[in-house]
Amino acid sequence: MSIMARPHQIPMRLATGAFILNSGLGKVRDTEAMAETIHGTASTAYPFLKEWEPQKFTRMLGTAEVAVGAMLLTPLVPSLVAGMALTGFSAGLVGLYLKLPGTRLEGSLRPSPEGLPLAKDSWMLGIGVSLVLEALTGRKCYKKS
């Protein structure tokens, strides 16, 4: 396993990490009303979350986002570790898109206008899986011309 991010990974790790870190910091400082909304959305898709107190859930979610963002932004964190964290986190977000009513067009995986903000999280899943695959195979996930 490589102990550092490879140079070609830096742009995607920086862009994704900064995005997630910013989102997490917003949740850590969240207001009570925003916590209710975030928790309500998450518990609709994942009913076991209904038992959680909204502000505690939102703070923990924000803390997880800060951790994932920081891993991606730190080149010394191996790509396998950062990729696994990003894959797990983004899989949960894609799950929201797939499970929440009204996020997709009837009978389709295509997003509805309301689902577009969630559907865009699929790019993070793709980046996470790419980082993991590259780390496990020891090769770039694309072919040189």
N, C-alpha and C. Protein backbone atom coordinates (compact mmCIF):
# COMPACT_ATOMS: atom_id res chain seq x y z
N MET A 1 0.86 -1.18 0.00
CA MET A 1 0.00 0.00 0.00
C MET A 1 0.89 1.23 0.00
N SER A 2 0.57 2.16 -0.86
CA SER A 2 1.30 3.41 -0.95
C SER A 2 1.04 4.25 0.29
N ILE A 3 2.09 4.89 0.79
CA ILE A 3 1.91 5.70 2.00
C ILE A 3 1.46 7.11 1.70
N MET A 4 1.44 7.47 0.42
CA MET A 4 1.02 8.81 0.05
C MET A 4 0.08 8.75 -1.15
N ALA A 5 -0.68 9.80 -1.30
CA ALA A 5 -1.51 9.93 -2.50
C ALA A 5 -0.60 10.11 -3.69
N ARG A 6 -0.98 9.53 -4.80
CA ARG A 6 -0.22 9.71 -6.03
C ARG A 6 -0.56 11.08 -6.62
N PRO A 7 0.38 11.69 -7.34
CA PRO A 7 0.15 13.05 -7.85
C PRO A 7 -1.14 13.21 -8.65
N HIS A 8 -1.49 12.23 -9.46
CA HIS A 8 -2.70 12.37 -10.27
C HIS A 8 -3.98 12.28 -9.44
N GLN A 9 -3.88 11.82 -8.20
CA GLN A 9 -5.04 11.73 -7.31
C GLN A 9 -5.30 13.04 -6.57
N ILE A 10 -4.30 13.88 -6.48
CA ILE A 10 -4.40 15.10 -5.67
C ILE A 10 -5.58 15.98 -6.08
N PRO A 11 -5.80 16.27 -7.36
CA PRO A 11 -6.92 17.16 -7.70
C PRO A 11 -8.29 16.61 -7.24
N MET A 12 -8.53 15.32 -7.46
CA MET A 12 -9.84 14.79 -7.04
C MET A 12 -9.95 14.70 -5.53
N ARG A 13 -8.85 14.41 -4.85
CA ARG A 13 -8.89 14.36 -3.40
C ARG A 13 -9.09 15.75 -2.81
N LEU A 14 -8.44 16.77 -3.40
CA LEU A 14 -8.61 18.14 -2.90
C LEU A 14 -10.04 18.64 -3.12
N ALA A 15 -10.55 18.46 -4.32
CA ALA A 15 -11.91 18.96 -4.63
C ALA A 15 -12.95 18.26 -3.76
N THR A 16 -12.86 16.94 -3.68
CA THR A 16 -13.85 16.18 -2.90
C THR A 16 -13.68 16.44 -1.41
N GLY A 17 -12.44 16.45 -0.95
CA GLY A 17 -12.18 16.67 0.47
C GLY A 17 -12.65 18.04 0.94
N ALA A 18 -12.38 19.07 0.15
CA ALA A 18 -12.81 20.43 0.52
C ALA A 18 -14.33 20.53 0.57
N PHE A 19 -14.99 19.90 -0.39
CA PHE A 19 -16.45 19.91 -0.45
C PHE A 19 -17.04 19.25 0.80
N ILE A 20 -16.53 18.06 1.13
CA ILE A 20 -17.05 17.31 2.28
C ILE A 20 -16.70 18.01 3.59
N LEU A 21 -15.48 18.51 3.70
CA LEU A 21 -15.08 19.22 4.92
C LEU A 21 -15.98 20.42 5.16
N ASN A 22 -16.25 21.21 4.13
CA ASN A 22 -17.13 22.37 4.26
C ASN A 22 -18.53 21.95 4.71
N SER A 23 -19.04 20.90 4.12
CA SER A 23 -20.37 20.41 4.50
C SER A 23 -20.39 19.97 5.97
N GLY A 24 -19.35 19.26 6.38
CA GLY A 24 -19.27 18.80 7.76
C GLY A 24 -19.17 19.93 8.76
N LEU A 25 -18.37 20.93 8.45
CA LEU A 25 -18.24 22.08 9.36
C LEU A 25 -19.58 22.79 9.53
N GLY A 26 -20.35 22.87 8.46
CA GLY A 26 -21.68 23.46 8.54
C GLY A 26 -22.60 22.68 9.46
N LYS A 27 -22.49 21.37 9.43
CA LYS A 27 -23.34 20.53 10.28
C LYS A 27 -22.92 20.57 11.73
N VAL A 28 -21.63 20.68 11.99
CA VAL A 28 -21.14 20.75 13.37
C VAL A 28 -21.66 22.01 14.04
N ARG A 29 -21.79 23.08 13.26
CA ARG A 29 -22.28 24.37 13.78
C ARG A 29 -23.78 24.54 13.56
N ASP A 30 -24.46 23.48 13.19
CA ASP A 30 -25.85 23.51 12.77
C ASP A 30 -26.81 24.11 13.80
N THR A 31 -27.88 24.73 13.28
CA THR A 31 -28.94 25.22 14.14
C THR A 31 -29.92 24.08 14.41
N GLU A 32 -30.75 24.26 15.39
CA GLU A 32 -31.71 23.24 15.76
C GLU A 32 -32.68 22.94 14.61
N ALA A 33 -33.14 23.98 13.92
CA ALA A 33 -34.08 23.78 12.81
C ALA A 33 -33.45 22.99 11.68
N MET A 34 -32.19 23.29 11.36
CA MET A 34 -31.51 22.54 10.31
C MET A 34 -31.28 21.10 10.73
N ALA A 35 -30.99 20.87 12.00
CA ALA A 35 -30.78 19.51 12.50
C ALA A 35 -32.06 18.69 12.34
N GLU A 36 -33.20 19.30 12.61
CA GLU A 36 -34.49 18.61 12.44
C GLU A 36 -34.68 18.19 10.99
N THR A 37 -34.37 19.08 10.07
CA THR A 37 -34.53 18.79 8.64
C THR A 37 -33.59 17.68 8.19
N ILE A 38 -32.32 17.79 8.55
CA ILE A 38 -31.33 16.78 8.16
C ILE A 38 -31.70 15.42 8.75
N HIS A 39 -32.04 15.41 10.03
CA HIS A 39 -32.41 14.16 10.70
C HIS A 39 -33.69 13.58 10.09
N GLY A 40 -34.66 14.43 9.81
CA GLY A 40 -35.91 13.97 9.21
C GLY A 40 -35.69 13.30 7.87
N THR A 41 -34.86 13.91 7.04
CA THR A 41 -34.55 13.33 5.73
C THR A 41 -33.83 11.99 5.89
N ALA A 42 -32.82 11.97 6.73
CA ALA A 42 -32.04 10.74 6.92
C ALA A 42 -32.90 9.62 7.51
N SER A 43 -33.75 9.95 8.47
CA SER A 43 -34.55 8.90 9.11
C SER A 43 -35.70 8.42 8.22
N THR A 44 -36.07 9.19 7.21
CA THR A 44 -37.05 8.71 6.23
C THR A 44 -36.43 7.59 5.40
N ALA A 45 -35.19 7.77 4.99
CA ALA A 45 -34.49 6.76 4.20
C ALA A 45 -33.99 5.61 5.06
N TYR A 46 -33.54 5.93 6.25
CA TYR A 46 -32.98 4.94 7.16
C TYR A 46 -33.77 4.99 8.48
N PRO A 47 -34.88 4.27 8.59
CA PRO A 47 -35.78 4.37 9.75
C PRO A 47 -35.12 4.14 11.11
N PHE A 48 -34.06 3.35 11.18
CA PHE A 48 -33.41 3.12 12.47
C PHE A 48 -32.86 4.41 13.08
N LEU A 49 -32.70 5.46 12.27
CA LEU A 49 -32.18 6.73 12.77
C LEU A 49 -33.23 7.55 13.51
N LYS A 50 -34.50 7.17 13.42
CA LYS A 50 -35.56 7.92 14.11
C LYS A 50 -35.33 7.98 15.61
N GLU A 51 -34.67 6.99 16.15
CA GLU A 51 -34.41 6.94 17.60
C GLU A 51 -33.36 7.96 18.04
N TRP A 52 -32.56 8.45 17.13
CA TRP A 52 -31.51 9.40 17.46
C TRP A 52 -32.08 10.79 17.70
N GLU A 53 -31.46 11.52 18.59
CA GLU A 53 -31.83 12.91 18.82
C GLU A 53 -31.27 13.72 17.65
N PRO A 54 -32.10 14.57 16.99
CA PRO A 54 -31.68 15.25 15.77
C PRO A 54 -30.36 16.02 15.86
N GLN A 55 -30.16 16.81 16.92
CA GLN A 55 -28.91 17.58 17.00
C GLN A 55 -27.70 16.67 17.21
N LYS A 56 -27.86 15.62 18.00
CA LYS A 56 -26.75 14.69 18.21
C LYS A 56 -26.42 13.98 16.89
N PHE A 57 -27.43 13.54 16.17
CA PHE A 57 -27.21 12.88 14.88
C PHE A 57 -26.49 13.81 13.92
N THR A 58 -26.97 15.04 13.81
CA THR A 58 -26.39 15.99 12.86
C THR A 58 -24.96 16.33 13.23
N ARG A 59 -24.69 16.47 14.52
CA ARG A 59 -23.32 16.75 14.95
C ARG A 59 -22.40 15.58 14.64
N MET A 60 -22.89 14.35 14.87
CA MET A 60 -22.07 13.17 14.57
C MET A 60 -21.85 13.03 13.06
N LEU A 61 -22.88 13.31 12.28
CA LEU A 61 -22.74 13.28 10.82
C LEU A 61 -21.72 14.31 10.38
N GLY A 62 -21.81 15.51 10.93
CA GLY A 62 -20.85 16.56 10.59
C GLY A 62 -19.43 16.18 10.98
N THR A 63 -19.27 15.56 12.14
CA THR A 63 -17.95 15.11 12.58
C THR A 63 -17.39 14.06 11.63
N ALA A 64 -18.24 13.14 11.19
CA ALA A 64 -17.81 12.12 10.23
C ALA A 64 -17.40 12.77 8.91
N GLU A 65 -18.17 13.76 8.47
CA GLU A 65 -17.82 14.46 7.24
C GLU A 65 -16.48 15.19 7.37
N VAL A 66 -16.26 15.83 8.50
CA VAL A 66 -14.98 16.51 8.73
C VAL A 66 -13.84 15.49 8.68
N ALA A 67 -14.03 14.34 9.29
CA ALA A 67 -12.99 13.30 9.28
C ALA A 67 -12.71 12.80 7.86
N VAL A 68 -13.76 12.52 7.09
CA VAL A 68 -13.58 12.04 5.72
C VAL A 68 -12.91 13.12 4.87
N GLY A 69 -13.38 14.35 5.00
CA GLY A 69 -12.78 15.45 4.25
C GLY A 69 -11.31 15.63 4.59
N ALA A 70 -10.99 15.57 5.87
CA ALA A 70 -9.59 15.73 6.30
C ALA A 70 -8.71 14.60 5.76
N MET A 71 -9.24 13.38 5.75
CA MET A 71 -8.46 12.25 5.20
C MET A 71 -8.13 12.48 3.73
N LEU A 72 -9.14 12.94 2.99
CA LEU A 72 -8.93 13.18 1.57
C LEU A 72 -7.94 14.32 1.33
N LEU A 73 -7.98 15.32 2.17
CA LEU A 73 -7.11 16.48 2.00
C LEU A 73 -5.67 16.24 2.46
N THR A 74 -5.45 15.17 3.21
CA THR A 74 -4.12 14.89 3.74
C THR A 74 -3.42 13.87 2.84
N PRO A 75 -2.42 14.32 2.07
CA PRO A 75 -1.76 13.41 1.13
C PRO A 75 -1.07 12.22 1.79
N LEU A 76 -0.73 12.32 3.08
CA LEU A 76 -0.08 11.20 3.77
C LEU A 76 -1.04 10.07 4.12
N VAL A 77 -2.35 10.34 4.05
CA VAL A 77 -3.32 9.27 4.28
C VAL A 77 -3.36 8.42 3.02
N PRO A 78 -3.09 7.11 3.14
CA PRO A 78 -3.09 6.25 1.95
C PRO A 78 -4.42 6.31 1.20
N SER A 79 -4.32 6.22 -0.11
CA SER A 79 -5.52 6.29 -0.95
C SER A 79 -6.52 5.18 -0.63
N LEU A 80 -6.02 4.01 -0.23
CA LEU A 80 -6.94 2.93 0.12
C LEU A 80 -7.80 3.34 1.31
N VAL A 81 -7.20 3.93 2.32
CA VAL A 81 -7.93 4.35 3.53
C VAL A 81 -8.89 5.49 3.19
N ALA A 82 -8.39 6.50 2.51
CA ALA A 82 -9.24 7.64 2.14
C ALA A 82 -10.36 7.19 1.21
N GLY A 83 -10.04 6.31 0.26
CA GLY A 83 -11.04 5.82 -0.69
C GLY A 83 -12.12 4.99 -0.01
N MET A 84 -11.72 4.15 0.97
CA MET A 84 -12.72 3.36 1.68
C MET A 84 -13.64 4.26 2.50
N ALA A 85 -13.08 5.27 3.14
CA ALA A 85 -13.90 6.20 3.92
C ALA A 85 -14.88 6.95 3.00
N LEU A 86 -14.37 7.43 1.87
CA LEU A 86 -15.22 8.14 0.93
C LEU A 86 -16.29 7.22 0.34
N THR A 87 -15.94 5.99 0.01
CA THR A 87 -16.90 5.05 -0.55
C THR A 87 -18.02 4.76 0.45
N GLY A 88 -17.67 4.50 1.69
CA GLY A 88 -18.69 4.24 2.71
C GLY A 88 -19.61 5.43 2.92
N PHE A 89 -19.02 6.60 3.04
CA PHE A 89 -19.80 7.82 3.26
C PHE A 89 -20.73 8.10 2.08
N SER A 90 -20.17 8.05 0.89
CA SER A 90 -20.98 8.40 -0.29
C SER A 90 -22.01 7.32 -0.61
N ALA A 91 -21.75 6.07 -0.26
CA ALA A 91 -22.76 5.02 -0.45
C ALA A 91 -24.01 5.33 0.38
N GLY A 92 -23.81 5.86 1.57
CA GLY A 92 -24.96 6.28 2.39
C GLY A 92 -25.74 7.40 1.74
N LEU A 93 -25.05 8.33 1.11
CA LEU A 93 -25.72 9.44 0.42
C LEU A 93 -26.46 8.95 -0.83
N VAL A 94 -25.86 8.05 -1.57
CA VAL A 94 -26.54 7.49 -2.74
C VAL A 94 -27.76 6.69 -2.28
N GLY A 95 -27.64 6.04 -1.13
CA GLY A 95 -28.79 5.34 -0.56
C GLY A 95 -29.95 6.28 -0.28
N LEU A 96 -29.66 7.49 0.19
CA LEU A 96 -30.72 8.49 0.38
C LEU A 96 -31.44 8.75 -0.94
N TYR A 97 -30.65 8.95 -1.98
CA TYR A 97 -31.21 9.22 -3.30
C TYR A 97 -32.11 8.07 -3.76
N LEU A 98 -31.66 6.85 -3.54
CA LEU A 98 -32.43 5.69 -4.00
C LEU A 98 -33.66 5.40 -3.15
N LYS A 99 -33.62 5.77 -1.87
CA LYS A 99 -34.71 5.41 -0.95
C LYS A 99 -35.75 6.49 -0.73
N LEU A 100 -35.38 7.75 -0.88
CA LEU A 100 -36.33 8.82 -0.58
C LEU A 100 -37.38 8.95 -1.68
N PRO A 101 -38.64 9.06 -1.30
CA PRO A 101 -39.68 9.24 -2.31
C PRO A 101 -39.54 10.58 -3.03
N GLY A 102 -39.80 10.55 -4.34
CA GLY A 102 -39.80 11.78 -5.12
C GLY A 102 -38.45 12.22 -5.64
N THR A 103 -37.39 11.45 -5.37
CA THR A 103 -36.07 11.87 -5.82
C THR A 103 -35.75 11.37 -7.24
N ARG A 104 -36.52 10.39 -7.71
CA ARG A 104 -36.28 9.84 -9.04
C ARG A 104 -37.55 9.92 -9.87
N LEU A 105 -37.37 9.98 -11.18
CA LEU A 105 -38.50 9.94 -12.09
C LEU A 105 -39.15 8.57 -12.00
N GLU A 106 -40.44 8.51 -12.11
CA GLU A 106 -41.20 7.26 -12.00
C GLU A 106 -40.59 6.16 -12.87
N GLY A 107 -40.28 5.02 -12.25
CA GLY A 107 -39.76 3.86 -12.97
C GLY A 107 -38.36 4.03 -13.54
N SER A 108 -37.58 4.95 -12.98
CA SER A 108 -36.28 5.26 -13.55
C SER A 108 -35.26 5.55 -12.45
N LEU A 109 -33.99 5.43 -12.80
CA LEU A 109 -32.93 5.89 -11.90
C LEU A 109 -32.60 7.36 -12.12
N ARG A 110 -33.16 7.93 -13.19
CA ARG A 110 -32.91 9.35 -13.49
C ARG A 110 -33.50 10.23 -12.40
N PRO A 111 -32.77 11.28 -12.03
CA PRO A 111 -33.26 12.12 -10.94
C PRO A 111 -34.42 13.02 -11.36
N SER A 112 -35.31 13.22 -10.41
CA SER A 112 -36.33 14.25 -10.58
C SER A 112 -35.66 15.58 -10.25
N PRO A 113 -36.31 16.72 -10.53
CA PRO A 113 -35.71 18.00 -10.14
C PRO A 113 -35.41 18.05 -8.63
N GLU A 114 -36.26 17.44 -7.82
CA GLU A 114 -36.03 17.44 -6.37
C GLU A 114 -34.87 16.52 -6.00
N GLY A 115 -34.62 15.49 -6.80
CA GLY A 115 -33.58 14.52 -6.49
C GLY A 115 -32.20 14.88 -6.99
N LEU A 116 -32.12 15.89 -7.84
CA LEU A 116 -30.83 16.26 -8.42
C LEU A 116 -29.75 16.58 -7.38
N PRO A 117 -30.07 17.31 -6.31
CA PRO A 117 -29.02 17.58 -5.30
C PRO A 117 -28.47 16.30 -4.66
N LEU A 118 -29.28 15.25 -4.56
CA LEU A 118 -28.79 13.99 -4.00
C LEU A 118 -28.10 13.13 -5.05
N ALA A 119 -28.60 13.15 -6.27
CA ALA A 119 -28.02 12.33 -7.34
C ALA A 119 -26.57 12.72 -7.62
N LYS A 120 -26.25 13.97 -7.41
CA LYS A 120 -24.88 14.42 -7.68
C LYS A 120 -23.87 13.78 -6.74
N ASP A 121 -24.33 13.19 -5.65
CA ASP A 121 -23.40 12.53 -4.74
C ASP A 121 -22.82 11.25 -5.34
N SER A 122 -23.37 10.79 -6.44
CA SER A 122 -22.84 9.58 -7.09
C SER A 122 -21.40 9.80 -7.58
N TRP A 123 -21.03 11.03 -7.89
CA TRP A 123 -19.65 11.28 -8.33
C TRP A 123 -18.67 10.97 -7.21
N MET A 124 -19.07 11.22 -5.95
CA MET A 124 -18.17 10.91 -4.84
C MET A 124 -18.00 9.40 -4.69
N LEU A 125 -19.07 8.65 -4.93
CA LEU A 125 -18.97 7.20 -4.87
C LEU A 125 -18.00 6.70 -5.94
N GLY A 126 -18.09 7.26 -7.13
CA GLY A 126 -17.17 6.89 -8.20
C GLY A 126 -15.72 7.19 -7.86
N ILE A 127 -15.47 8.33 -7.26
CA ILE A 127 -14.10 8.70 -6.87
C ILE A 127 -13.60 7.75 -5.78
N GLY A 128 -14.43 7.47 -4.79
CA GLY A 128 -14.03 6.57 -3.71
C GLY A 128 -13.69 5.18 -4.22
N VAL A 129 -14.55 4.64 -5.07
CA VAL A 129 -14.30 3.31 -5.63
C VAL A 129 -13.03 3.32 -6.48
N SER A 130 -12.81 4.38 -7.25
CA SER A 130 -11.60 4.49 -8.07
C SER A 130 -10.34 4.50 -7.21
N LEU A 131 -10.36 5.25 -6.11
CA LEU A 131 -9.20 5.28 -5.22
C LEU A 131 -8.92 3.89 -4.63
N VAL A 132 -9.98 3.20 -4.23
CA VAL A 132 -9.82 1.85 -3.66
C VAL A 132 -9.28 0.89 -4.72
N LEU A 133 -9.88 0.89 -5.90
CA LEU A 133 -9.44 -0.03 -6.95
C LEU A 133 -7.98 0.21 -7.35
N GLU A 134 -7.62 1.47 -7.47
CA GLU A 134 -6.24 1.77 -7.83
C GLU A 134 -5.28 1.29 -6.74
N ALA A 135 -5.65 1.50 -5.49
CA ALA A 135 -4.78 1.07 -4.39
C ALA A 135 -4.67 -0.45 -4.34
N LEU A 136 -5.75 -1.15 -4.60
CA LEU A 136 -5.73 -2.62 -4.52
C LEU A 136 -5.02 -3.26 -5.71
N THR A 137 -5.14 -2.64 -6.87
CA THR A 137 -4.51 -3.23 -8.06
C THR A 137 -3.10 -2.71 -8.28
N GLY A 138 -2.76 -1.60 -7.64
CA GLY A 138 -1.43 -1.02 -7.81
C GLY A 138 -1.27 -0.33 -9.16
N ARG A 139 -2.38 -0.12 -9.84
CA ARG A 139 -2.34 0.52 -11.16
C ARG A 139 -3.31 1.67 -11.20
N LYS A 140 -3.12 2.52 -12.20
CA LYS A 140 -4.08 3.57 -12.47
C LYS A 140 -5.33 2.92 -13.02
N CYS A 141 -6.48 3.53 -12.76
CA CYS A 141 -7.76 2.98 -13.22
C CYS A 141 -8.10 3.41 -14.64
N TYR A 142 -7.14 3.98 -15.34
CA TYR A 142 -7.37 4.37 -16.72
C TYR A 142 -6.15 3.96 -17.53
N LYS A 143 -6.32 3.87 -18.82
CA LYS A 143 -5.25 3.41 -19.70
C LYS A 143 -4.51 4.60 -20.31
N LYS A 144 -3.19 4.52 -20.32
CA LYS A 144 -2.39 5.57 -20.96
C LYS A 144 -2.50 5.42 -22.47
N SER A 145 -2.58 6.55 -23.18
CA SER A 145 -2.64 6.48 -24.64
C SER A 145 -1.26 6.40 -25.22
